[in-house]
Full PDB file with SEQRES, HELIX, SHEET, SSBOND, CRYST1, ORIGX, SCALE, CONECT and MASTER records, all heavy atoms in Angstrom:
SEQRES   1 A   37  GLY GLY ILE LYS SER LYS THR ALA VAL GLY ASP LEU ILE          
SEQRES   2 A   37  LEU PRO ILE ALA ALA ILE ARG GLY GLU GLY THR SER ASN          
SEQRES   3 A   37  ASP TYR PHE PRO PRO GLU VAL PRO ALA LEU PRO                  
HELIX    1 AA1 THR A   24  ASP A   27  5                                   4    
CRYST1    1.000    1.000    1.000  90.00  90.00  90.00 P 1           1          
ORIGX1      1.000000  0.000000  0.000000        0.00000                         
ORIGX2      0.000000  1.000000  0.000000        0.00000                         
ORIGX3      0.000000  0.000000  1.000000        0.00000                         
SCALE1      1.000000  0.000000  0.000000        0.00000                         
SCALE2      0.000000  1.000000  0.000000        0.00000                         
SCALE3      0.000000  0.000000  1.000000        0.00000                         
ATOM      1  N   GLY A   1       1.670   3.243  -1.506  1.00  0.00           N  
ATOM      2  CA  GLY A   1       2.626   3.989  -0.710  1.00  0.00           C  
ATOM      3  C   GLY A   1       4.013   3.412  -0.897  1.00  0.00           C  
ATOM      4  O   GLY A   1       4.195   2.191  -0.803  1.00  0.00           O  
ATOM      5  N   GLY A   2       4.984   4.259  -1.191  1.00  0.00           N  
ATOM      6  CA  GLY A   2       6.353   3.792  -1.347  1.00  0.00           C  
ATOM      7  C   GLY A   2       6.984   3.534   0.014  1.00  0.00           C  
ATOM      8  O   GLY A   2       6.948   4.397   0.891  1.00  0.00           O  
ATOM      9  N   ILE A   3       7.538   2.347   0.189  1.00  0.00           N  
ATOM     10  CA  ILE A   3       8.133   1.986   1.478  1.00  0.00           C  
ATOM     11  C   ILE A   3       9.612   2.346   1.539  1.00  0.00           C  
ATOM     12  O   ILE A   3      10.101   2.868   2.541  1.00  0.00           O  
ATOM     13  CB  ILE A   3       7.952   0.479   1.755  1.00  0.00           C  
ATOM     14  CG1 ILE A   3       6.462   0.136   1.838  1.00  0.00           C  
ATOM     15  CG2 ILE A   3       8.667   0.073   3.036  1.00  0.00           C  
ATOM     16  CD1 ILE A   3       5.706   0.911   2.898  1.00  0.00           C  
ATOM     17  N   LYS A   4      10.323   2.096   0.474  1.00  0.00           N  
ATOM     18  CA  LYS A   4      11.754   2.382   0.457  1.00  0.00           C  
ATOM     19  C   LYS A   4      11.997   3.851   0.120  1.00  0.00           C  
ATOM     20  O   LYS A   4      11.302   4.439  -0.709  1.00  0.00           O  
ATOM     21  CB  LYS A   4      12.464   1.471  -0.542  1.00  0.00           C  
ATOM     22  CG  LYS A   4      12.399  -0.010  -0.153  1.00  0.00           C  
ATOM     23  CD  LYS A   4      13.216  -0.857  -1.089  1.00  0.00           C  
ATOM     24  CE  LYS A   4      13.170  -2.321  -0.678  1.00  0.00           C  
ATOM     25  NZ  LYS A   4      13.770  -2.577   0.640  1.00  0.00           N  
ATOM     26  N   SER A   5      13.026   4.424   0.718  1.00  0.00           N  
ATOM     27  CA  SER A   5      13.299   5.854   0.536  1.00  0.00           C  
ATOM     28  C   SER A   5      13.714   6.187  -0.890  1.00  0.00           C  
ATOM     29  O   SER A   5      13.592   7.326  -1.332  1.00  0.00           O  
ATOM     30  CB  SER A   5      14.395   6.303   1.510  1.00  0.00           C  
ATOM     31  OG  SER A   5      15.588   5.548   1.319  1.00  0.00           O  
ATOM     32  N   LYS A   6      14.192   5.181  -1.638  1.00  0.00           N  
ATOM     33  CA  LYS A   6      14.622   5.451  -3.006  1.00  0.00           C  
ATOM     34  C   LYS A   6      13.462   5.667  -3.962  1.00  0.00           C  
ATOM     35  O   LYS A   6      13.660   6.168  -5.069  1.00  0.00           O  
ATOM     36  CB  LYS A   6      15.511   4.312  -3.512  1.00  0.00           C  
ATOM     37  CG  LYS A   6      14.848   2.942  -3.551  1.00  0.00           C  
ATOM     38  CD  LYS A   6      15.861   1.875  -3.946  1.00  0.00           C  
ATOM     39  CE  LYS A   6      15.259   0.469  -3.951  1.00  0.00           C  
ATOM     40  NZ  LYS A   6      16.264  -0.554  -4.274  1.00  0.00           N  
ATOM     41  N   THR A   7      12.240   5.266  -3.570  1.00  0.00           N  
ATOM     42  CA  THR A   7      11.090   5.542  -4.431  1.00  0.00           C  
ATOM     43  C   THR A   7      10.576   6.945  -4.167  1.00  0.00           C  
ATOM     44  O   THR A   7      10.616   7.428  -3.037  1.00  0.00           O  
ATOM     45  CB  THR A   7       9.961   4.534  -4.189  1.00  0.00           C  
ATOM     46  OG1 THR A   7       9.538   4.603  -2.824  1.00  0.00           O  
ATOM     47  CG2 THR A   7      10.397   3.118  -4.532  1.00  0.00           C  
ATOM     48  N   ALA A   8      10.095   7.584  -5.230  1.00  0.00           N  
ATOM     49  CA  ALA A   8       9.581   8.946  -5.126  1.00  0.00           C  
ATOM     50  C   ALA A   8       8.132   8.987  -5.589  1.00  0.00           C  
ATOM     51  O   ALA A   8       7.683   8.120  -6.358  1.00  0.00           O  
ATOM     52  CB  ALA A   8      10.425   9.893  -5.977  1.00  0.00           C  
ATOM     53  N   VAL A   9       7.414   9.975  -5.129  1.00  0.00           N  
ATOM     54  CA  VAL A   9       6.039  10.169  -5.584  1.00  0.00           C  
ATOM     55  C   VAL A   9       6.045  10.343  -7.110  1.00  0.00           C  
ATOM     56  O   VAL A   9       6.853  11.085  -7.657  1.00  0.00           O  
ATOM     57  CB  VAL A   9       5.409  11.401  -4.908  1.00  0.00           C  
ATOM     58  CG1 VAL A   9       4.068  11.746  -5.553  1.00  0.00           C  
ATOM     59  CG2 VAL A   9       5.234  11.146  -3.417  1.00  0.00           C  
ATOM     60  N   GLY A  10       5.167   9.616  -7.771  1.00  0.00           N  
ATOM     61  CA  GLY A  10       5.112   9.651  -9.228  1.00  0.00           C  
ATOM     62  C   GLY A  10       5.826   8.487  -9.887  1.00  0.00           C  
ATOM     63  O   GLY A  10       5.651   8.256 -11.082  1.00  0.00           O  
ATOM     64  N   ASP A  11       6.616   7.741  -9.114  1.00  0.00           N  
ATOM     65  CA  ASP A  11       7.292   6.562  -9.668  1.00  0.00           C  
ATOM     66  C   ASP A  11       6.281   5.460  -9.973  1.00  0.00           C  
ATOM     67  O   ASP A  11       5.220   5.372  -9.343  1.00  0.00           O  
ATOM     68  CB  ASP A  11       8.330   6.019  -8.681  1.00  0.00           C  
ATOM     69  CG  ASP A  11       9.612   6.833  -8.658  1.00  0.00           C  
ATOM     70  OD1 ASP A  11       9.710   7.807  -9.418  1.00  0.00           O  
ATOM     71  OD2 ASP A  11      10.511   6.490  -7.862  1.00  0.00           O  
ATOM     72  N   LEU A  12       6.653   4.610 -10.922  1.00  0.00           N  
ATOM     73  CA  LEU A  12       5.836   3.448 -11.269  1.00  0.00           C  
ATOM     74  C   LEU A  12       6.469   2.192 -10.689  1.00  0.00           C  
ATOM     75  O   LEU A  12       7.689   2.031 -10.721  1.00  0.00           O  
ATOM     76  CB  LEU A  12       5.718   3.310 -12.782  1.00  0.00           C  
ATOM     77  CG  LEU A  12       4.982   4.449 -13.505  1.00  0.00           C  
ATOM     78  CD1 LEU A  12       5.133   4.294 -15.018  1.00  0.00           C  
ATOM     79  CD2 LEU A  12       3.512   4.489 -13.109  1.00  0.00           C  
ATOM     80  N   ILE A  13       5.631   1.313 -10.150  1.00  0.00           N  
ATOM     81  CA  ILE A  13       6.097   0.036  -9.627  1.00  0.00           C  
ATOM     82  C   ILE A  13       5.349  -1.079 -10.355  1.00  0.00           C  
ATOM     83  O   ILE A  13       4.118  -1.096 -10.390  1.00  0.00           O  
ATOM     84  CB  ILE A  13       5.876  -0.078  -8.110  1.00  0.00           C  
ATOM     85  CG1 ILE A  13       6.744   0.957  -7.380  1.00  0.00           C  
ATOM     86  CG2 ILE A  13       6.195  -1.497  -7.618  1.00  0.00           C  
ATOM     87  CD1 ILE A  13       6.602   0.925  -5.865  1.00  0.00           C  
ATOM     88  N   LEU A  14       6.118  -1.983 -10.947  1.00  0.00           N  
ATOM     89  CA  LEU A  14       5.566  -3.146 -11.633  1.00  0.00           C  
ATOM     90  C   LEU A  14       5.795  -4.350 -10.723  1.00  0.00           C  
ATOM     91  O   LEU A  14       6.888  -4.918 -10.702  1.00  0.00           O  
ATOM     92  CB  LEU A  14       6.267  -3.327 -12.979  1.00  0.00           C  
ATOM     93  CG  LEU A  14       5.683  -4.344 -13.958  1.00  0.00           C  
ATOM     94  CD1 LEU A  14       4.275  -3.969 -14.374  1.00  0.00           C  
ATOM     95  CD2 LEU A  14       6.583  -4.462 -15.188  1.00  0.00           C  
ATOM     96  N   PRO A  15       4.801  -4.740  -9.937  1.00  0.00           N  
ATOM     97  CA  PRO A  15       5.031  -5.800  -8.935  1.00  0.00           C  
ATOM     98  C   PRO A  15       5.214  -7.174  -9.565  1.00  0.00           C  
ATOM     99  O   PRO A  15       4.486  -7.558 -10.477  1.00  0.00           O  
ATOM    100  CB  PRO A  15       3.760  -5.756  -8.078  1.00  0.00           C  
ATOM    101  CG  PRO A  15       2.717  -5.154  -8.962  1.00  0.00           C  
ATOM    102  CD  PRO A  15       3.433  -4.198  -9.868  1.00  0.00           C  
ATOM    103  N   ILE A  16       6.209  -7.885  -9.071  1.00  0.00           N  
ATOM    104  CA  ILE A  16       6.434  -9.266  -9.527  1.00  0.00           C  
ATOM    105  C   ILE A  16       5.739 -10.264  -8.599  1.00  0.00           C  
ATOM    106  O   ILE A  16       5.605 -11.439  -8.934  1.00  0.00           O  
ATOM    107  CB  ILE A  16       7.936  -9.591  -9.613  1.00  0.00           C  
ATOM    108  CG1 ILE A  16       8.620  -9.357  -8.261  1.00  0.00           C  
ATOM    109  CG2 ILE A  16       8.602  -8.754 -10.691  1.00  0.00           C  
ATOM    110  CD1 ILE A  16      10.080  -9.768  -8.222  1.00  0.00           C  
ATOM    111  N   ALA A  17       5.279  -9.772  -7.451  1.00  0.00           N  
ATOM    112  CA  ALA A  17       4.535 -10.602  -6.504  1.00  0.00           C  
ATOM    113  C   ALA A  17       3.928  -9.680  -5.456  1.00  0.00           C  
ATOM    114  O   ALA A  17       4.316  -8.516  -5.333  1.00  0.00           O  
ATOM    115  CB  ALA A  17       5.441 -11.632  -5.833  1.00  0.00           C  
ATOM    116  N   ALA A  18       2.971 -10.219  -4.710  1.00  0.00           N  
ATOM    117  CA  ALA A  18       2.361  -9.451  -3.626  1.00  0.00           C  
ATOM    118  C   ALA A  18       2.250 -10.334  -2.390  1.00  0.00           C  
ATOM    119  O   ALA A  18       2.030 -11.551  -2.490  1.00  0.00           O  
ATOM    120  CB  ALA A  18       0.984  -8.940  -4.040  1.00  0.00           C  
ATOM    121  N   ILE A  19       2.414  -9.724  -1.228  1.00  0.00           N  
ATOM    122  CA  ILE A  19       2.297 -10.439   0.038  1.00  0.00           C  
ATOM    123  C   ILE A  19       0.864 -10.295   0.548  1.00  0.00           C  
ATOM    124  O   ILE A  19       0.332  -9.190   0.629  1.00  0.00           O  
ATOM    125  CB  ILE A  19       3.301  -9.903   1.068  1.00  0.00           C  
ATOM    126  CG1 ILE A  19       4.732 -10.172   0.586  1.00  0.00           C  
ATOM    127  CG2 ILE A  19       3.072 -10.545   2.438  1.00  0.00           C  
ATOM    128  CD1 ILE A  19       5.806  -9.591   1.476  1.00  0.00           C  
ATOM    129  N   ARG A  20       0.276 -11.418   0.899  1.00  0.00           N  
ATOM    130  CA  ARG A  20      -1.138 -11.479   1.249  1.00  0.00           C  
ATOM    131  C   ARG A  20      -1.355 -11.131   2.721  1.00  0.00           C  
ATOM    132  O   ARG A  20      -1.658 -11.989   3.540  1.00  0.00           O  
ATOM    133  CB  ARG A  20      -1.683 -12.854   0.918  1.00  0.00           C  
ATOM    134  CG  ARG A  20      -1.642 -13.198  -0.555  1.00  0.00           C  
ATOM    135  CD  ARG A  20      -1.851 -14.671  -0.811  1.00  0.00           C  
ATOM    136  NE  ARG A  20      -3.018 -15.175  -0.110  1.00  0.00           N  
ATOM    137  CZ  ARG A  20      -3.265 -16.459   0.106  1.00  0.00           C  
ATOM    138  NH1 ARG A  20      -2.417 -17.373  -0.324  1.00  0.00           N  
ATOM    139  NH2 ARG A  20      -4.350 -16.831   0.757  1.00  0.00           N  
ATOM    140  N   GLY A  21      -1.253  -9.859   3.044  1.00  0.00           N  
ATOM    141  CA  GLY A  21      -1.473  -9.419   4.412  1.00  0.00           C  
ATOM    142  C   GLY A  21      -2.894  -8.975   4.680  1.00  0.00           C  
ATOM    143  O   GLY A  21      -3.202  -8.505   5.783  1.00  0.00           O  
ATOM    144  N   GLU A  22      -3.780  -9.123   3.685  1.00  0.00           N  
ATOM    145  CA  GLU A  22      -5.128  -8.559   3.792  1.00  0.00           C  
ATOM    146  C   GLU A  22      -6.152  -9.509   4.388  1.00  0.00           C  
ATOM    147  O   GLU A  22      -7.197  -9.090   4.856  1.00  0.00           O  
ATOM    148  CB  GLU A  22      -5.656  -8.081   2.423  1.00  0.00           C  
ATOM    149  CG  GLU A  22      -5.039  -8.678   1.188  1.00  0.00           C  
ATOM    150  CD  GLU A  22      -5.342 -10.142   0.982  1.00  0.00           C  
ATOM    151  OE1 GLU A  22      -6.380 -10.488   0.376  1.00  0.00           O  
ATOM    152  OE2 GLU A  22      -4.524 -10.959   1.434  1.00  0.00           O  
ATOM    153  N   GLY A  23      -5.909 -10.804   4.305  1.00  0.00           N  
ATOM    154  CA  GLY A  23      -6.857 -11.757   4.875  1.00  0.00           C  
ATOM    155  C   GLY A  23      -7.943 -12.209   3.918  1.00  0.00           C  
ATOM    156  O   GLY A  23      -8.379 -13.360   3.981  1.00  0.00           O  
ATOM    157  N   THR A  24      -8.392 -11.351   3.035  1.00  0.00           N  
ATOM    158  CA  THR A  24      -9.472 -11.700   2.111  1.00  0.00           C  
ATOM    159  C   THR A  24      -9.103 -12.902   1.248  1.00  0.00           C  
ATOM    160  O   THR A  24      -9.925 -13.807   1.030  1.00  0.00           O  
ATOM    161  CB  THR A  24      -9.818 -10.504   1.212  1.00  0.00           C  
ATOM    162  OG1 THR A  24     -10.225  -9.405   2.021  1.00  0.00           O  
ATOM    163  CG2 THR A  24     -10.938 -10.844   0.253  1.00  0.00           C  
ATOM    164  N   SER A  25      -7.871 -12.917   0.758  1.00  0.00           N  
ATOM    165  CA  SER A  25      -7.445 -13.998  -0.126  1.00  0.00           C  
ATOM    166  C   SER A  25      -7.392 -15.347   0.568  1.00  0.00           C  
ATOM    167  O   SER A  25      -7.343 -16.390  -0.089  1.00  0.00           O  
ATOM    168  CB  SER A  25      -6.088 -13.675  -0.752  1.00  0.00           C  
ATOM    169  OG  SER A  25      -5.105 -13.481   0.253  1.00  0.00           O  
ATOM    170  N   ASN A  26      -7.428 -15.361   1.909  1.00  0.00           N  
ATOM    171  CA  ASN A  26      -7.435 -16.636   2.633  1.00  0.00           C  
ATOM    172  C   ASN A  26      -8.727 -17.419   2.409  1.00  0.00           C  
ATOM    173  O   ASN A  26      -8.777 -18.620   2.672  1.00  0.00           O  
ATOM    174  CB  ASN A  26      -7.231 -16.404   4.134  1.00  0.00           C  
ATOM    175  CG  ASN A  26      -5.837 -15.904   4.456  1.00  0.00           C  
ATOM    176  OD1 ASN A  26      -4.911 -16.065   3.669  1.00  0.00           O  
ATOM    177  ND2 ASN A  26      -5.694 -15.277   5.614  1.00  0.00           N  
ATOM    178  N   ASP A  27      -9.755 -16.739   1.940  1.00  0.00           N  
ATOM    179  CA  ASP A  27     -11.000 -17.426   1.618  1.00  0.00           C  
ATOM    180  C   ASP A  27     -10.909 -18.146   0.273  1.00  0.00           C  
ATOM    181  O   ASP A  27     -11.832 -18.888  -0.090  1.00  0.00           O  
ATOM    182  CB  ASP A  27     -12.161 -16.428   1.574  1.00  0.00           C  
ATOM    183  CG  ASP A  27     -12.557 -15.942   2.958  1.00  0.00           C  
ATOM    184  OD1 ASP A  27     -12.426 -16.728   3.917  1.00  0.00           O  
ATOM    185  OD2 ASP A  27     -12.988 -14.786   3.083  1.00  0.00           O  
ATOM    186  N   TYR A  28      -9.801 -17.925  -0.454  1.00  0.00           N  
ATOM    187  CA  TYR A  28      -9.632 -18.522  -1.777  1.00  0.00           C  
ATOM    188  C   TYR A  28      -8.517 -19.564  -1.807  1.00  0.00           C  
ATOM    189  O   TYR A  28      -8.616 -20.558  -2.512  1.00  0.00           O  
ATOM    190  CB  TYR A  28      -9.339 -17.430  -2.812  1.00  0.00           C  
ATOM    191  CG  TYR A  28     -10.492 -16.471  -2.994  1.00  0.00           C  
ATOM    192  CD1 TYR A  28     -10.699 -15.419  -2.107  1.00  0.00           C  
ATOM    193  CD2 TYR A  28     -11.376 -16.622  -4.057  1.00  0.00           C  
ATOM    194  CE1 TYR A  28     -11.761 -14.550  -2.260  1.00  0.00           C  
ATOM    195  CE2 TYR A  28     -12.438 -15.754  -4.232  1.00  0.00           C  
ATOM    196  CZ  TYR A  28     -12.637 -14.720  -3.322  1.00  0.00           C  
ATOM    197  OH  TYR A  28     -13.697 -13.854  -3.475  1.00  0.00           O  
ATOM    198  N   PHE A  29      -7.446 -19.313  -1.046  1.00  0.00           N  
ATOM    199  CA  PHE A  29      -6.296 -20.218  -1.051  1.00  0.00           C  
ATOM    200  C   PHE A  29      -5.665 -20.287   0.332  1.00  0.00           C  
ATOM    201  O   PHE A  29      -5.763 -19.331   1.109  1.00  0.00           O  
ATOM    202  CB  PHE A  29      -5.224 -19.725  -2.038  1.00  0.00           C  
ATOM    203  CG  PHE A  29      -5.590 -19.869  -3.489  1.00  0.00           C  
ATOM    204  CD1 PHE A  29      -5.841 -18.749  -4.259  1.00  0.00           C  
ATOM    205  CD2 PHE A  29      -5.679 -21.117  -4.086  1.00  0.00           C  
ATOM    206  CE1 PHE A  29      -6.177 -18.865  -5.601  1.00  0.00           C  
ATOM    207  CE2 PHE A  29      -6.015 -21.253  -5.424  1.00  0.00           C  
ATOM    208  CZ  PHE A  29      -6.264 -20.120  -6.185  1.00  0.00           C  
ATOM    209  N   PRO A  30      -4.976 -21.387   0.649  1.00  0.00           N  
ATOM    210  CA  PRO A  30      -4.197 -21.447   1.886  1.00  0.00           C  
ATOM    211  C   PRO A  30      -3.118 -20.362   1.892  1.00  0.00           C  
ATOM    212  O   PRO A  30      -2.704 -19.884   0.828  1.00  0.00           O  
ATOM    213  CB  PRO A  30      -3.572 -22.845   1.839  1.00  0.00           C  
ATOM    214  CG  PRO A  30      -4.427 -23.629   0.910  1.00  0.00           C  
ATOM    215  CD  PRO A  30      -4.926 -22.654  -0.112  1.00  0.00           C  
ATOM    216  N   PRO A  31      -2.632 -19.982   3.053  1.00  0.00           N  
ATOM    217  CA  PRO A  31      -1.666 -18.875   3.167  1.00  0.00           C  
ATOM    218  C   PRO A  31      -0.376 -19.077   2.384  1.00  0.00           C  
ATOM    219  O   PRO A  31       0.254 -18.099   1.978  1.00  0.00           O  
ATOM    220  CB  PRO A  31      -1.380 -18.814   4.671  1.00  0.00           C  
ATOM    221  CG  PRO A  31      -2.573 -19.416   5.318  1.00  0.00           C  
ATOM    222  CD  PRO A  31      -3.049 -20.480   4.381  1.00  0.00           C  
ATOM    223  N   GLU A  32       0.034 -20.330   2.149  1.00  0.00           N  
ATOM    224  CA  GLU A  32       1.317 -20.558   1.478  1.00  0.00           C  
ATOM    225  C   GLU A  32       1.254 -20.387  -0.035  1.00  0.00           C  
ATOM    226  O   GLU A  32       2.292 -20.423  -0.709  1.00  0.00           O  
ATOM    227  CB  GLU A  32       1.853 -21.955   1.812  1.00  0.00           C  
ATOM    228  CG  GLU A  32       0.973 -23.106   1.352  1.00  0.00           C  
ATOM    229  CD  GLU A  32      -0.015 -23.547   2.416  1.00  0.00           C  
ATOM    230  OE1 GLU A  32      -0.320 -22.733   3.313  1.00  0.00           O  
ATOM    231  OE2 GLU A  32      -0.463 -24.706   2.355  1.00  0.00           O  
ATOM    232  N   VAL A  33       0.071 -20.193  -0.608  1.00  0.00           N  
ATOM    233  CA  VAL A  33      -0.043 -19.996  -2.060  1.00  0.00           C  
ATOM    234  C   VAL A  33       0.335 -18.551  -2.389  1.00  0.00           C  
ATOM    235  O   VAL A  33      -0.287 -17.616  -1.884  1.00  0.00           O  
ATOM    236  CB  VAL A  33      -1.472 -20.298  -2.556  1.00  0.00           C  
ATOM    237  CG1 VAL A  33      -1.582 -20.030  -4.058  1.00  0.00           C  
ATOM    238  CG2 VAL A  33      -1.848 -21.739  -2.242  1.00  0.00           C  
ATOM    239  N   PRO A  34       1.344 -18.319  -3.232  1.00  0.00           N  
ATOM    240  CA  PRO A  34       1.786 -16.950  -3.516  1.00  0.00           C  
ATOM    241  C   PRO A  34       0.797 -16.193  -4.394  1.00  0.00           C  
ATOM    242  O   PRO A  34       0.052 -16.793  -5.178  1.00  0.00           O  
ATOM    243  CB  PRO A  34       3.115 -17.152  -4.251  1.00  0.00           C  
ATOM    244  CG  PRO A  34       2.982 -18.496  -4.879  1.00  0.00           C  
ATOM    245  CD  PRO A  34       2.168 -19.324  -3.927  1.00  0.00           C  
ATOM    246  N   ALA A  35       0.801 -14.884  -4.252  1.00  0.00           N  
ATOM    247  CA  ALA A  35      -0.026 -14.008  -5.087  1.00  0.00           C  
ATOM    248  C   ALA A  35       0.848 -13.472  -6.212  1.00  0.00           C  
ATOM    249  O   ALA A  35       1.709 -12.614  -5.995  1.00  0.00           O  
ATOM    250  CB  ALA A  35      -0.594 -12.863  -4.257  1.00  0.00           C  
ATOM    251  N   LEU A  36       0.633 -13.984  -7.424  1.00  0.00           N  
ATOM    252  CA  LEU A  36       1.494 -13.664  -8.560  1.00  0.00           C  
ATOM    253  C   LEU A  36       0.677 -13.154  -9.737  1.00  0.00           C  
ATOM    254  O   LEU A  36      -0.435 -13.618  -9.976  1.00  0.00           O  
ATOM    255  CB  LEU A  36       2.276 -14.912  -8.995  1.00  0.00           C  
ATOM    256  CG  LEU A  36       3.153 -15.582  -7.946  1.00  0.00           C  
ATOM    257  CD1 LEU A  36       3.712 -16.882  -8.506  1.00  0.00           C  
ATOM    258  CD2 LEU A  36       4.273 -14.648  -7.517  1.00  0.00           C  
ATOM    259  N   PRO A  37       1.248 -12.226 -10.519  1.00  0.00           N  
ATOM    260  CA  PRO A  37       0.577 -11.766 -11.733  1.00  0.00           C  
ATOM    261  C   PRO A  37       0.868 -12.697 -12.907  1.00  0.00           C  
ATOM    262  O   PRO A  37       1.732 -13.583 -12.817  1.00  0.00           O  
ATOM    263  CB  PRO A  37       1.215 -10.399 -11.968  1.00  0.00           C  
ATOM    264  CG  PRO A  37       2.618 -10.572 -11.466  1.00  0.00           C  
ATOM    265  CD  PRO A  37       2.515 -11.507 -10.283  1.00  0.00           C  
TER     266      PRO A  37                                                      
MASTER        0    0    0    1    0    0    0    6  265    1    0    3          
END                                                                             
């Protein structure tokens, strides 16, 4: 889902990082470890 109004349906987003709001990743790393590609 696009959060900013400047993004449009059909746009591509190449993430440089992700924020771990899901909780699942906490079983793998402490919260301060960034999620990076």
